[in-house]
Amino acid sequence: MPVDDHPEEKVPAVELILTRLHAGAKFSNKSYKFSGGLHGVGVSVVNALSKNLEVWIKREGHEYNLSFKDGERSSELEVVDKVGKTNTGTTIRFWPNEKYFDGSEIKVKDLKHNLRAKAVLCPGLKIKFHDEQTNEKLEWLYKEGANEYLSEVLGDTPCVPNDPFFGNSQNDKLEIEWSLTWPQDDHEGIQESYVNLIPTKAGGTHVSGFRSGLSDSVKEFADYRNLLPRGVKLSPEDVWLGLSYILSIRLEDPQFSGQTKEKLSSRAVSTLVSNVIKDAFTLWLNQHPEAGDQIVARAIENAQKRAKKNVKVKRKKATGGPTLPGKLADCTSDEPDRCELFIVEGDSAGGSAKQARDRKYQAILPLRGKILNSWEVEESNLLSSQEISNISQALGVEPSAEDLVNLRYHKICILADADSDGLHIATLICALFVKHFKKLVEDGHVYVSMPPLYRIDVGKEVFYALDEDEKDDHLEAIEKKKSKAKVTVTRFKGLGEMSPIQLRETTMLEESRRLVRLTIEDESQTNELMDKLMAKKRYTDRRDWLQEKGNLADIQ
């Protein structure tokens, strides 16, 4: 960190960075070509939420120290020691303020994973980890980067190819690096992606492009060598299944879904990555035809297993059951593992969704208003609700069913308005699945769609914001760029107000939509929370909870 006085603020630059939002150098392309931070708030927020923070800086032959208390400077920047000219670096130590957090426990597993990832993605960088409570000490150094890491994880597991296919590419818009292989013997392997050194656990447009490029190159290779049996069609999933990979990209101004940055949403990236991977892997396959034949054979086997596994569903009537709901706009595919059902709030939004969908794989079921609060409803009375009965019939699954062999869609997406009413409806539907269709949740079939609340037009560029905070972040970033284009902000009143094109690119298109998987991590804790929120008999607990936590509510 710099220690000289800022020319305008007349205070040490390190103090400015630690106390002023957006003071970081990452907005300047002169300092960072690619960076994980977008808005310059990270370290200053850490300081603001800490009881104490200490920073030590070694540079230019001196060691400097600066202290803060409750976000305010508590000591002047001072030289505390002399060091060698090559001894440089910054150490920050902070104590979280318990009044801002429920607890100060750090997720050590996640921290170790992130630290190792930095070593993997920066070949030659040595990172040390020391847990003073347990005295655990770890050290990571990967001279060959992602390729070395993937080989280390897979160990002696036989793979195709034996040595991972490694490559990198760079242009003025994007840097990309990858390592991939297909482990044999049902080895779990790993699938990890990163953007500007940030782990993207939920994937995003870079992973979609990576998958598309691989699939296209394998299918082209199979067609060229006439390897496909009659009647077999390879899907991207057939190629992707069992793949282990490390994917890292670097680009300027990445757009993420939310502040957690777990999913990249920059739309142009998908095509860029797909083109790079397709060209590189097509060349590699033709240079390594024996390995290519094995990869295609594996994909063909996956396709044949999929064909046997998938029970063909009749798209006009549920097999052996009653007629499907009249409002259901079904898809045409008979492959349940590729089909999606969007449960949509209201007929008007359902109409837009029907126009926006991919008719082959996406079905739409509109609901009429708020559905029944089913948390305390007995299973014997559950299907007396027409809306819940429609959901059950559309899915092909009865409440409390453990056998999902007749499940007609392997991805169920709850799609409601981004306002408080929409969130209420989404909560009621989530409660229905957690309570009465728990197997669907446990097997990872249920998702909540996250439609944007705002659209921001900057000249010909369009950005979407999930909420008020994201909108402000976008506007601040636009202001920093000093764009001369006219900025227009539109607030969507509901899904029905979106055009089909807008609805498609924000909530239905796989490359750019935002989905949150519904999970049950701790069943007893989840049931207790849902009971407190949904049970009529717990109204006093809700009142007490609101009195205690009401200040945390986001009132719009």
Protein backbone atom coordinates (compact mmCIF):
# COMPACT_ATOMS: atom_id res chain seq x y z
CA MET A 1 0.00 0.00 0.00
CA PRO A 2 1.28 3.52 -0.74
CA VAL A 3 2.41 5.64 2.23
CA ASP A 4 2.96 9.01 0.53
CA ASP A 5 0.48 11.82 1.14
CA HIS A 6 -2.39 12.00 -1.33
CA PRO A 7 -1.85 15.17 -3.44
CA GLU A 8 -5.43 16.41 -2.97
CA GLU A 9 -6.51 15.02 0.41
CA LYS A 10 -3.16 15.76 2.13
CA VAL A 11 -3.28 12.53 4.18
CA PRO A 12 -1.31 9.29 3.72
CA ALA A 13 -2.75 7.27 0.84
CA VAL A 14 -2.96 4.14 3.02
CA GLU A 15 -5.22 6.02 5.46
CA LEU A 16 -7.44 7.13 2.59
CA ILE A 17 -7.72 3.56 1.27
CA LEU A 18 -8.72 2.24 4.71
CA THR A 19 -11.26 4.94 5.56
CA ARG A 20 -12.76 6.22 2.30
CA LEU A 21 -15.11 4.26 0.04
CA HIS A 22 -14.02 3.96 -3.59
CA ALA A 23 -10.51 5.19 -2.82
CA GLY A 24 -8.87 1.99 -4.09
CA ALA A 25 -6.70 2.12 -7.19
CA LYS A 26 -8.63 -0.61 -8.98
CA PHE A 27 -10.78 1.91 -10.81
CA SER A 28 -7.68 2.98 -12.70
CA ASN A 29 -6.47 0.78 -15.55
CA LYS A 30 -3.01 2.25 -14.98
CA SER A 31 -2.76 0.43 -11.64
CA TYR A 32 -4.63 -2.79 -12.42
CA LYS A 33 -5.45 -4.22 -15.83
CA PHE A 34 -7.65 -6.85 -14.19
CA SER A 35 -8.98 -6.84 -10.65
CA GLY A 36 -11.46 -8.73 -8.52
CA GLY A 37 -12.64 -5.65 -6.66
CA LEU A 38 -15.12 -3.49 -8.51
CA HIS A 39 -16.14 -0.63 -6.30
CA GLY A 40 -13.28 0.00 -3.85
CA VAL A 41 -15.27 -0.78 -0.72
CA GLY A 42 -13.68 -4.01 0.55
CA VAL A 43 -10.91 -3.01 2.95
CA SER A 44 -12.60 0.24 4.05
CA VAL A 45 -15.73 -1.71 5.04
CA VAL A 46 -13.58 -4.22 6.95
CA ASN A 47 -12.09 -1.30 8.86
CA ALA A 48 -15.49 0.29 9.54
CA LEU A 49 -16.84 -2.97 11.00
CA SER A 50 -13.80 -3.70 13.17
CA LYS A 51 -13.11 -2.78 16.80
CA ASN A 52 -9.43 -2.42 15.95
CA LEU A 53 -7.35 -2.65 12.80
CA GLU A 54 -3.57 -2.58 12.47
CA VAL A 55 -1.61 -2.24 9.24
CA TRP A 56 2.12 -2.73 8.75
CA ILE A 57 3.72 -1.78 5.42
CA LYS A 58 7.23 -2.66 4.28
CA ARG A 59 8.51 -0.66 1.33
CA GLU A 60 11.52 1.38 0.23
CA GLY A 61 13.67 0.19 3.15
CA HIS A 62 11.25 1.10 5.95
CA GLU A 63 8.44 -0.55 7.92
CA TYR A 64 5.41 1.67 8.62
CA ASN A 65 2.58 1.20 11.11
CA LEU A 66 -0.92 2.72 11.30
CA SER A 67 -3.74 1.91 13.75
CA PHE A 68 -7.53 2.36 13.70
CA LYS A 69 -10.29 2.02 16.28
CA ASP A 70 -13.98 1.73 15.32
CA GLY A 71 -13.05 2.75 11.79
CA GLU A 72 -11.26 5.94 12.84
CA ARG A 73 -7.51 6.51 12.86
CA SER A 74 -6.12 6.04 16.37
CA SER A 75 -2.44 6.67 15.61
CA GLU A 76 -0.40 8.56 13.06
CA LEU A 77 1.44 6.74 10.29
CA GLU A 78 4.97 6.25 11.59
CA VAL A 79 8.20 4.49 10.69
CA VAL A 80 8.79 1.70 13.21
CA ASP A 81 11.77 -0.14 11.70
CA LYS A 82 14.27 -0.41 8.87
CA VAL A 83 14.12 -3.34 6.44
CA GLY A 84 15.98 -4.50 3.36
CA LYS A 85 15.10 -2.89 0.05
CA THR A 86 13.70 -6.18 -1.28
CA ASN A 87 11.70 -6.87 1.90
CA THR A 88 8.29 -5.52 0.89
CA GLY A 89 4.64 -6.25 1.61
CA THR A 90 1.59 -5.33 3.68
CA THR A 91 0.17 -7.02 6.79
CA ILE A 92 -3.34 -6.23 8.04
CA ARG A 93 -4.78 -7.51 11.30
CA PHE A 94 -8.34 -6.74 12.40
CA TRP A 95 -10.76 -7.62 15.19
CA PRO A 96 -14.43 -7.81 14.03
CA ASN A 97 -16.84 -5.71 16.08
CA GLU A 98 -19.41 -8.08 17.62
CA LYS A 99 -22.14 -5.43 17.55
CA TYR A 100 -22.25 -5.78 13.75
CA PHE A 101 -22.07 -9.59 13.58
CA ASP A 102 -23.86 -12.54 15.15
CA GLY A 103 -20.44 -14.12 15.63
CA SER A 104 -16.81 -13.61 14.64
CA GLU A 105 -16.10 -17.19 13.59
CA ILE A 106 -14.31 -17.42 10.26
CA LYS A 107 -15.10 -20.29 7.89
CA VAL A 108 -11.61 -21.78 7.88
CA LYS A 109 -12.42 -24.33 5.16
CA ASP A 110 -13.48 -21.58 2.73
CA LEU A 111 -10.49 -19.44 3.67
CA LYS A 112 -8.04 -22.27 2.98
CA HIS A 113 -9.71 -23.02 -0.34
CA ASN A 114 -9.47 -19.37 -1.41
CA LEU A 115 -5.84 -19.09 -0.35
CA ARG A 116 -4.86 -22.22 -2.24
CA ALA A 117 -6.75 -20.93 -5.28
CA LYS A 118 -4.62 -17.77 -5.26
CA ALA A 119 -1.47 -19.92 -5.28
CA VAL A 120 -2.86 -22.03 -8.14
CA LEU A 121 -3.80 -19.02 -10.26
CA CYS A 122 -0.54 -17.14 -9.62
CA PRO A 123 2.18 -19.68 -10.55
CA GLY A 124 5.27 -19.27 -8.40
CA LEU A 125 3.46 -17.43 -5.58
CA LYS A 126 3.99 -19.06 -2.18
CA ILE A 127 1.12 -18.70 0.31
CA LYS A 128 1.36 -19.72 3.96
CA PHE A 129 -1.54 -20.40 6.32
CA HIS A 130 -1.24 -20.59 10.11
CA ASP A 131 -4.20 -21.18 12.41
CA GLU A 132 -2.99 -20.02 15.82
CA GLN A 133 -5.89 -21.71 17.62
CA THR A 134 -5.16 -25.22 16.30
CA ASN A 135 -1.53 -24.57 15.28
CA GLU A 136 -2.34 -25.94 11.82
CA LYS A 137 0.24 -24.79 9.28
CA LEU A 138 -0.11 -25.13 5.51
CA GLU A 139 1.88 -23.90 2.55
CA TRP A 140 0.96 -23.78 -1.14
CA LEU A 141 3.23 -23.25 -4.13
CA TYR A 142 2.28 -24.25 -7.69
CA LYS A 143 5.02 -23.46 -10.18
CA GLU A 144 2.94 -24.87 -13.05
CA GLY A 145 -0.34 -23.35 -11.87
CA ALA A 146 -3.69 -24.93 -12.71
CA ASN A 147 -2.20 -27.93 -14.52
CA GLU A 148 -0.12 -28.93 -11.49
CA TYR A 149 -3.10 -28.45 -9.15
CA LEU A 150 -5.45 -30.60 -11.25
CA SER A 151 -2.85 -33.36 -11.52
CA GLU A 152 -2.32 -33.21 -7.75
CA VAL A 153 -6.06 -33.57 -7.02
CA LEU A 154 -6.51 -36.49 -9.41
CA GLY A 155 -3.36 -38.28 -8.27
CA ASP A 156 -2.93 -41.71 -9.88
CA THR A 157 -6.51 -41.85 -11.18
CA PRO A 158 -6.54 -42.97 -14.82
CA CYS A 159 -7.80 -40.14 -17.02
CA VAL A 160 -8.54 -39.28 -20.63
CA PRO A 161 -6.26 -37.67 -21.58
CA ASN A 162 -3.60 -38.98 -19.16
CA ASP A 163 -1.99 -35.55 -18.98
CA PRO A 164 -4.62 -32.79 -18.63
CA PHE A 165 -5.26 -30.65 -21.69
CA PHE A 166 -3.81 -27.31 -20.65
CA GLY A 167 -3.90 -24.03 -22.51
CA ASN A 168 -4.15 -20.27 -22.33
CA SER A 169 -5.06 -17.41 -24.60
CA GLN A 170 -4.94 -13.64 -24.37
CA ASN A 171 -6.29 -10.69 -26.31
CA ASP A 172 -7.18 -7.09 -25.50
CA LYS A 173 -10.52 -8.13 -23.96
CA LEU A 174 -9.79 -11.38 -22.15
CA GLU A 175 -7.16 -13.64 -20.66
CA ILE A 176 -8.16 -17.28 -20.27
CA GLU A 177 -6.35 -20.29 -18.81
CA TRP A 178 -7.65 -23.83 -18.42
CA SER A 179 -6.73 -27.39 -17.55
CA LEU A 180 -9.11 -30.30 -18.12
CA THR A 181 -9.43 -34.06 -18.28
CA TRP A 182 -11.99 -36.82 -17.79
CA PRO A 183 -11.17 -39.09 -14.79
CA GLN A 184 -12.12 -42.77 -15.07
CA ASP A 185 -13.44 -45.11 -12.36
CA ASP A 186 -16.18 -42.65 -11.32
CA HIS A 187 -13.64 -40.39 -9.62
CA GLU A 188 -15.44 -37.27 -8.36
CA GLY A 189 -12.74 -34.90 -9.57
CA ILE A 190 -13.16 -31.13 -9.34
CA GLN A 191 -14.84 -28.36 -11.31
CA GLU A 192 -13.56 -24.92 -10.34
CA SER A 193 -13.88 -21.58 -12.10
CA TYR A 194 -12.44 -18.16 -11.34
CA VAL A 195 -12.75 -14.59 -12.57
CA ASN A 196 -9.88 -12.22 -11.74
CA LEU A 197 -8.79 -14.71 -9.03
CA ILE A 198 -12.28 -14.73 -7.45
CA PRO A 199 -13.88 -18.19 -7.07
CA THR A 200 -17.18 -18.34 -8.97
CA LYS A 201 -18.91 -21.22 -7.19
CA ALA A 202 -22.14 -20.71 -9.12
CA GLY A 203 -20.35 -20.56 -12.48
CA GLY A 204 -21.72 -18.02 -14.91
CA THR A 205 -21.25 -16.96 -18.50
CA HIS A 206 -17.57 -18.02 -18.64
CA VAL A 207 -18.46 -21.58 -17.62
CA SER A 208 -21.38 -21.64 -20.08
CA GLY A 209 -19.01 -20.61 -22.87
CA PHE A 210 -16.42 -23.17 -21.74
CA ARG A 211 -19.06 -25.92 -21.80
CA SER A 212 -20.40 -24.82 -25.19
CA GLY A 213 -16.95 -24.68 -26.79
CA LEU A 214 -16.01 -28.15 -25.51
CA SER A 215 -19.29 -29.67 -26.61
CA ASP A 216 -19.15 -28.16 -30.09
CA SER A 217 -15.57 -29.31 -30.68
CA VAL A 218 -16.28 -32.90 -29.52
CA LYS A 219 -19.42 -33.14 -31.67
CA GLU A 220 -17.56 -31.79 -34.72
CA PHE A 221 -14.75 -34.31 -34.15
CA ALA A 222 -17.26 -37.16 -33.80
CA ASP A 223 -19.08 -36.14 -36.99
CA TYR A 224 -15.85 -35.74 -38.95
CA ARG A 225 -14.65 -39.24 -37.96
CA ASN A 226 -18.15 -40.75 -38.33
CA LEU A 227 -18.09 -42.10 -34.75
CA LEU A 228 -21.75 -41.65 -33.78
CA PRO A 229 -24.02 -44.73 -33.90
CA ARG A 230 -27.34 -44.35 -35.70
CA GLY A 231 -29.91 -42.48 -33.62
CA VAL A 232 -27.43 -41.14 -31.03
CA LYS A 233 -27.29 -37.38 -30.56
CA LEU A 234 -24.76 -35.89 -28.19
CA SER A 235 -25.95 -33.19 -25.81
CA PRO A 236 -23.60 -30.79 -24.01
CA GLU A 237 -24.35 -32.72 -20.80
CA ASP A 238 -23.08 -35.97 -22.38
CA VAL A 239 -19.71 -34.34 -23.05
CA TRP A 240 -19.62 -32.43 -19.75
CA LEU A 241 -20.50 -35.37 -17.47
CA GLY A 242 -17.51 -36.44 -15.36
CA LEU A 243 -15.23 -33.65 -16.59
CA SER A 244 -12.67 -32.24 -14.16
CA TYR A 245 -11.40 -28.76 -14.93
CA ILE A 246 -9.86 -25.55 -13.69
CA LEU A 247 -11.00 -22.46 -15.61
CA SER A 248 -9.61 -19.01 -14.93
CA ILE A 249 -10.38 -15.85 -16.86
CA ARG A 250 -9.33 -12.25 -16.40
CA LEU A 251 -11.15 -9.30 -17.88
CA GLU A 252 -11.79 -5.64 -17.27
CA ASP A 253 -14.96 -4.59 -15.48
CA PRO A 254 -16.55 -8.03 -14.87
CA GLN A 255 -20.25 -8.02 -13.99
CA PHE A 256 -21.27 -10.37 -11.19
CA SER A 257 -24.61 -11.49 -9.80
CA GLY A 258 -24.72 -9.77 -6.41
CA GLN A 259 -21.99 -8.68 -4.01
CA THR A 260 -20.85 -12.24 -3.24
CA LYS A 261 -19.49 -12.48 -6.80
CA GLU A 262 -20.23 -16.20 -7.03
CA LYS A 263 -21.58 -16.01 -10.60
CA LEU A 264 -20.30 -14.05 -13.59
CA SER A 265 -23.06 -12.35 -15.57
CA SER A 266 -21.04 -10.48 -18.26
CA ARG A 267 -22.96 -11.54 -21.35
CA ALA A 268 -20.25 -11.06 -23.98
CA VAL A 269 -17.88 -13.41 -22.15
CA SER A 270 -19.77 -16.59 -23.08
CA THR A 271 -19.12 -16.21 -26.81
CA LEU A 272 -15.51 -15.11 -26.30
CA VAL A 273 -14.67 -18.12 -24.12
CA SER A 274 -16.60 -20.54 -26.34
CA ASN A 275 -14.69 -19.47 -29.45
CA VAL A 276 -11.29 -19.76 -27.75
CA ILE A 277 -11.99 -23.20 -26.26
CA LYS A 278 -13.59 -24.59 -29.42
CA ASP A 279 -10.63 -23.58 -31.60
CA ALA A 280 -8.03 -24.85 -29.13
CA PHE A 281 -9.74 -28.16 -28.33
CA THR A 282 -10.63 -28.89 -31.97
CA LEU A 283 -6.94 -28.54 -32.85
CA TRP A 284 -5.93 -30.72 -29.90
CA LEU A 285 -8.45 -33.46 -30.78
CA ASN A 286 -7.16 -33.68 -34.33
CA GLN A 287 -3.59 -33.87 -33.05
CA HIS A 288 -4.53 -36.60 -30.53
CA PRO A 289 -7.10 -38.76 -32.38
CA GLU A 290 -6.77 -41.77 -30.06
CA ALA A 291 -7.62 -39.71 -26.97
CA GLY A 292 -10.32 -37.97 -29.01
CA ASP A 293 -11.90 -41.32 -29.86
CA GLN A 294 -11.97 -42.24 -26.16
CA ILE A 295 -13.60 -38.92 -25.22
CA VAL A 296 -16.27 -39.40 -27.89
CA ALA A 297 -16.85 -43.01 -26.79
CA ARG A 298 -17.40 -41.81 -23.24
CA ALA A 299 -19.88 -39.16 -24.43
CA ILE A 300 -21.73 -41.75 -26.55
CA GLU A 301 -22.01 -44.04 -23.51
CA ASN A 302 -23.43 -41.16 -21.47
CA ALA A 303 -25.96 -40.39 -24.23
CA GLN A 304 -27.08 -44.02 -24.40
CA LYS A 305 -27.46 -44.23 -20.61
CA ARG A 306 -29.48 -41.03 -20.67
CA ALA A 307 -31.76 -42.41 -23.36
CA LYS A 308 -32.45 -45.56 -21.32
CA LYS A 309 -32.88 -43.68 -18.05
CA ASN A 310 -35.27 -41.04 -19.30
CA VAL A 311 -38.84 -42.30 -19.22
CA LYS A 312 -40.58 -40.65 -22.13
CA VAL A 313 -43.32 -38.37 -20.92
CA LYS A 314 -46.51 -37.63 -22.78
CA ARG A 315 -46.71 -33.91 -23.20
CA LYS A 316 -50.48 -33.69 -23.38
CA LYS A 317 -51.38 -35.99 -20.50
CA ALA A 318 -49.49 -37.14 -17.46
CA THR A 319 -48.72 -40.84 -17.82
CA GLY A 320 -51.39 -42.93 -16.14
CA GLY A 321 -52.79 -39.89 -14.37
CA PRO A 322 -55.19 -37.02 -14.76
CA THR A 323 -55.00 -34.43 -17.51
CA LEU A 324 -52.31 -31.83 -16.97
CA PRO A 325 -53.38 -28.38 -15.74
CA GLY A 326 -55.01 -26.32 -18.47
CA LYS A 327 -52.81 -23.28 -17.80
CA LEU A 328 -49.61 -25.29 -18.18
CA ALA A 329 -47.67 -24.27 -21.29
CA ASP A 330 -45.61 -27.43 -21.62
CA CYS A 331 -42.31 -27.97 -23.38
CA THR A 332 -41.88 -30.41 -26.25
CA SER A 333 -38.81 -32.36 -25.13
CA ASP A 334 -39.22 -35.85 -23.69
CA GLU A 335 -35.94 -35.63 -21.72
CA PRO A 336 -36.90 -34.73 -18.12
CA ASP A 337 -33.27 -34.16 -17.09
CA ARG A 338 -33.09 -31.25 -19.54
CA CYS A 339 -36.57 -29.83 -18.92
CA GLU A 340 -37.42 -26.88 -16.67
CA LEU A 341 -40.71 -25.80 -15.13
CA PHE A 342 -41.17 -22.13 -14.25
CA ILE A 343 -43.87 -21.60 -11.62
CA VAL A 344 -44.85 -18.01 -12.35
CA GLU A 345 -46.83 -15.47 -10.33
CA GLY A 346 -49.89 -14.23 -12.24
CA ASP A 347 -51.35 -14.66 -15.72
CA SER A 348 -49.81 -11.49 -17.20
CA ALA A 349 -46.29 -12.50 -16.16
CA GLY A 350 -47.07 -16.01 -17.33
CA GLY A 351 -47.96 -14.61 -20.76
CA SER A 352 -44.61 -12.83 -21.06
CA ALA A 353 -42.79 -15.93 -19.82
CA LYS A 354 -44.50 -18.10 -22.44
CA GLN A 355 -43.17 -15.81 -25.17
CA ALA A 356 -39.71 -15.60 -23.60
CA ARG A 357 -39.11 -19.31 -22.99
CA ASP A 358 -37.27 -21.95 -24.97
CA ARG A 359 -40.32 -23.98 -26.02
CA LYS A 360 -38.33 -27.19 -26.36
CA TYR A 361 -37.07 -27.35 -22.77
CA GLN A 362 -38.96 -24.74 -20.70
CA ALA A 363 -42.55 -25.06 -19.46
CA ILE A 364 -44.60 -22.32 -17.78
CA LEU A 365 -47.23 -22.78 -15.06
CA PRO A 366 -48.94 -19.49 -14.05
CA LEU A 367 -50.43 -19.27 -10.55
CA ARG A 368 -53.43 -17.22 -9.52
CA GLY A 369 -52.33 -14.83 -6.74
CA LYS A 370 -50.94 -16.00 -3.42
CA ILE A 371 -51.15 -19.76 -2.96
CA LEU A 372 -52.25 -21.46 0.25
CA ASN A 373 -49.91 -21.28 3.24
CA SER A 374 -49.39 -25.05 3.40
CA TRP A 375 -46.97 -25.20 6.31
CA GLU A 376 -49.58 -26.47 8.78
CA VAL A 377 -51.90 -28.18 6.26
CA GLU A 378 -52.30 -31.94 6.56
CA GLU A 379 -51.25 -33.88 3.50
CA SER A 380 -54.75 -35.35 3.12
CA ASN A 381 -56.16 -31.83 2.65
CA LEU A 382 -53.30 -30.41 0.60
CA LEU A 383 -54.58 -31.20 -2.90
CA SER A 384 -57.92 -29.52 -2.20
CA SER A 385 -56.06 -26.34 -3.13
CA GLN A 386 -56.39 -26.06 -6.93
CA GLU A 387 -53.05 -24.27 -7.34
CA ILE A 388 -51.15 -26.89 -5.32
CA SER A 389 -52.96 -29.68 -7.17
CA ASN A 390 -51.88 -28.08 -10.46
CA ILE A 391 -48.25 -27.99 -9.31
CA SER A 392 -48.35 -31.65 -8.26
CA GLN A 393 -49.95 -32.76 -11.54
CA ALA A 394 -47.52 -30.74 -13.64
CA LEU A 395 -44.54 -32.23 -11.81
CA GLY A 396 -45.86 -35.79 -11.98
CA VAL A 397 -45.05 -36.18 -8.27
CA GLU A 398 -47.39 -36.60 -5.32
CA PRO A 399 -46.74 -34.75 -2.03
CA SER A 400 -44.24 -36.54 0.26
CA ALA A 401 -43.21 -38.88 -2.59
CA GLU A 402 -39.78 -40.48 -2.19
CA ASP A 403 -39.77 -42.00 -5.69
CA LEU A 404 -39.11 -39.35 -8.34
CA VAL A 405 -39.11 -41.69 -11.34
CA ASN A 406 -42.11 -39.85 -12.83
CA LEU A 407 -40.70 -36.37 -12.27
CA ARG A 408 -41.32 -34.50 -15.52
CA TYR A 409 -38.88 -31.62 -14.98
CA HIS A 410 -35.51 -31.89 -13.25
CA LYS A 411 -35.26 -28.15 -12.69
CA ILE A 412 -38.16 -26.32 -11.02
CA CYS A 413 -37.83 -22.53 -10.93
CA ILE A 414 -39.97 -20.31 -8.70
CA LEU A 415 -40.43 -17.01 -10.55
CA ALA A 416 -42.13 -14.09 -8.78
CA ASP A 417 -41.88 -10.29 -8.80
CA ALA A 418 -38.81 -8.73 -7.18
CA ASP A 419 -40.97 -6.64 -4.80
CA SER A 420 -42.25 -7.56 -1.31
CA ASP A 421 -45.46 -9.16 -2.62
CA GLY A 422 -43.45 -11.31 -4.99
CA LEU A 423 -41.09 -12.36 -2.21
CA HIS A 424 -44.13 -13.31 -0.10
CA ILE A 425 -45.43 -15.56 -2.88
CA ALA A 426 -41.98 -17.09 -3.42
CA THR A 427 -41.76 -17.81 0.33
CA LEU A 428 -45.14 -19.58 0.28
CA ILE A 429 -44.02 -21.76 -2.64
CA CYS A 430 -40.68 -22.50 -0.94
CA ALA A 431 -42.58 -23.54 2.19
CA LEU A 432 -44.70 -25.91 0.06
CA PHE A 433 -41.62 -27.65 -1.32
CA VAL A 434 -39.70 -27.79 1.97
CA LYS A 435 -42.69 -29.22 3.84
CA HIS A 436 -44.48 -31.41 1.31
CA PHE A 437 -42.02 -32.07 -1.55
CA LYS A 438 -38.84 -32.35 0.50
CA LYS A 439 -37.27 -35.02 -1.72
CA LEU A 440 -37.26 -32.55 -4.63
CA VAL A 441 -35.37 -30.04 -2.48
CA GLU A 442 -32.91 -32.62 -1.12
CA ASP A 443 -32.09 -33.84 -4.64
CA GLY A 444 -31.40 -30.27 -5.83
CA HIS A 445 -34.33 -29.83 -8.22
CA VAL A 446 -35.85 -26.62 -6.79
CA TYR A 447 -34.56 -23.11 -7.53
CA VAL A 448 -35.67 -19.54 -6.91
CA SER A 449 -35.30 -17.18 -9.87
CA MET A 450 -33.88 -13.73 -9.08
CA PRO A 451 -35.44 -11.22 -11.50
CA PRO A 452 -34.01 -7.69 -11.54
CA LEU A 453 -35.81 -4.76 -9.96
CA TYR A 454 -34.06 -2.11 -12.08
CA ARG A 455 -32.89 -1.59 -15.64
CA ILE A 456 -30.10 0.92 -16.26
CA ASP A 457 -29.53 2.24 -19.79
CA VAL A 458 -26.21 3.95 -20.51
CA GLY A 459 -26.27 4.93 -24.15
CA LYS A 460 -26.50 1.61 -25.98
CA GLU A 461 -25.37 -0.42 -22.95
CA VAL A 462 -27.92 -2.08 -20.66
CA PHE A 463 -27.39 -3.22 -17.07
CA TYR A 464 -29.83 -4.95 -14.73
CA ALA A 465 -29.81 -4.58 -10.94
CA LEU A 466 -31.28 -7.08 -8.51
CA ASP A 467 -32.01 -4.50 -5.83
CA GLU A 468 -31.32 -0.95 -4.62
CA ASP A 469 -27.75 -1.77 -3.58
CA GLU A 470 -26.84 -3.25 -6.95
CA LYS A 471 -28.41 -0.27 -8.70
CA ASP A 472 -26.29 2.12 -6.63
CA ASP A 473 -23.17 0.04 -7.34
CA HIS A 474 -23.79 0.21 -11.09
CA LEU A 475 -24.43 3.96 -11.00
CA GLU A 476 -21.27 4.58 -8.97
CA ALA A 477 -19.22 2.50 -11.41
CA ILE A 478 -20.73 4.39 -14.35
CA GLU A 479 -19.94 7.71 -12.67
CA LYS A 480 -16.34 6.63 -12.10
CA LYS A 481 -15.97 5.89 -15.80
CA LYS A 482 -17.16 9.46 -16.50
CA SER A 483 -19.34 8.27 -19.36
CA LYS A 484 -20.96 11.06 -21.38
CA ALA A 485 -23.84 8.81 -22.44
CA LYS A 486 -27.31 9.50 -21.03
CA VAL A 487 -28.15 7.34 -18.00
CA THR A 488 -31.76 6.19 -17.57
CA VAL A 489 -32.97 4.10 -14.62
CA THR A 490 -36.24 2.16 -14.89
CA ARG A 491 -37.89 0.35 -11.99
CA PHE A 492 -39.90 -2.71 -12.97
CA LYS A 493 -43.27 -2.83 -11.23
CA GLY A 494 -43.49 -6.55 -11.92
CA LEU A 495 -42.61 -9.37 -14.27
CA GLY A 496 -45.62 -8.53 -16.43
CA GLU A 497 -44.07 -5.14 -17.20
CA MET A 498 -40.99 -6.72 -18.77
CA SER A 499 -40.96 -7.39 -22.48
CA PRO A 500 -40.46 -11.05 -23.44
CA ILE A 501 -36.92 -10.23 -24.60
CA GLN A 502 -36.04 -8.61 -21.25
CA LEU A 503 -37.58 -11.50 -19.32
CA ARG A 504 -35.69 -14.02 -21.40
CA GLU A 505 -32.23 -12.49 -20.95
CA THR A 506 -32.66 -11.74 -17.22
CA THR A 507 -34.51 -14.78 -15.87
CA MET A 508 -34.71 -17.58 -18.45
CA LEU A 509 -31.54 -17.62 -20.55
CA GLU A 510 -29.07 -19.98 -18.90
CA GLU A 511 -26.02 -17.82 -19.64
CA SER A 512 -27.32 -14.66 -17.96
CA ARG A 513 -30.10 -15.58 -15.51
CA ARG A 514 -29.71 -15.78 -11.74
CA LEU A 515 -30.95 -18.85 -9.90
CA VAL A 516 -30.54 -19.73 -6.22
CA ARG A 517 -30.87 -23.41 -5.38
CA LEU A 518 -33.20 -24.17 -2.47
CA THR A 519 -31.28 -26.27 0.06
CA ILE A 520 -31.77 -27.70 3.53
CA GLU A 521 -28.42 -27.63 5.32
CA ASP A 522 -29.71 -28.23 8.86
CA GLU A 523 -33.18 -29.78 8.84
CA SER A 524 -34.09 -29.01 12.44
CA GLN A 525 -32.87 -25.42 12.16
CA THR A 526 -34.70 -24.95 8.85
CA ASN A 527 -37.95 -26.37 10.23
CA GLU A 528 -37.72 -24.16 13.31
CA LEU A 529 -37.18 -21.04 11.21
CA MET A 530 -39.99 -21.87 8.78
CA ASP A 531 -42.30 -22.73 11.67
CA LYS A 532 -41.59 -19.37 13.27
CA LEU A 533 -42.31 -17.57 9.99
CA MET A 534 -45.28 -19.58 8.73
CA ALA A 535 -47.16 -21.18 11.64
CA LYS A 536 -50.26 -19.30 12.82
CA LYS A 537 -49.70 -20.43 16.40
CA ARG A 538 -46.24 -18.78 16.47
CA TYR A 539 -47.49 -15.20 16.07
CA THR A 540 -46.01 -14.11 19.42
CA ASP A 541 -42.60 -15.47 18.39
CA ARG A 542 -42.85 -13.55 15.11
CA ARG A 543 -43.74 -10.36 16.99
CA ASP A 544 -40.76 -10.79 19.34
CA TRP A 545 -38.48 -11.57 16.42
CA LEU A 546 -39.62 -8.45 14.53
CA GLN A 547 -39.08 -6.29 17.60
CA GLU A 548 -35.57 -7.67 18.01
CA LYS A 549 -34.48 -7.83 14.34
CA GLY A 550 -36.82 -5.33 12.68
CA ASN A 551 -34.01 -2.82 12.23
CA LEU A 552 -32.40 -5.21 9.73
CA ALA A 553 -35.39 -5.07 7.37
CA ASP A 554 -34.93 -3.52 3.94
CA ILE A 555 -37.95 -1.19 3.66
CA GLN A 556 -38.63 0.17 0.16
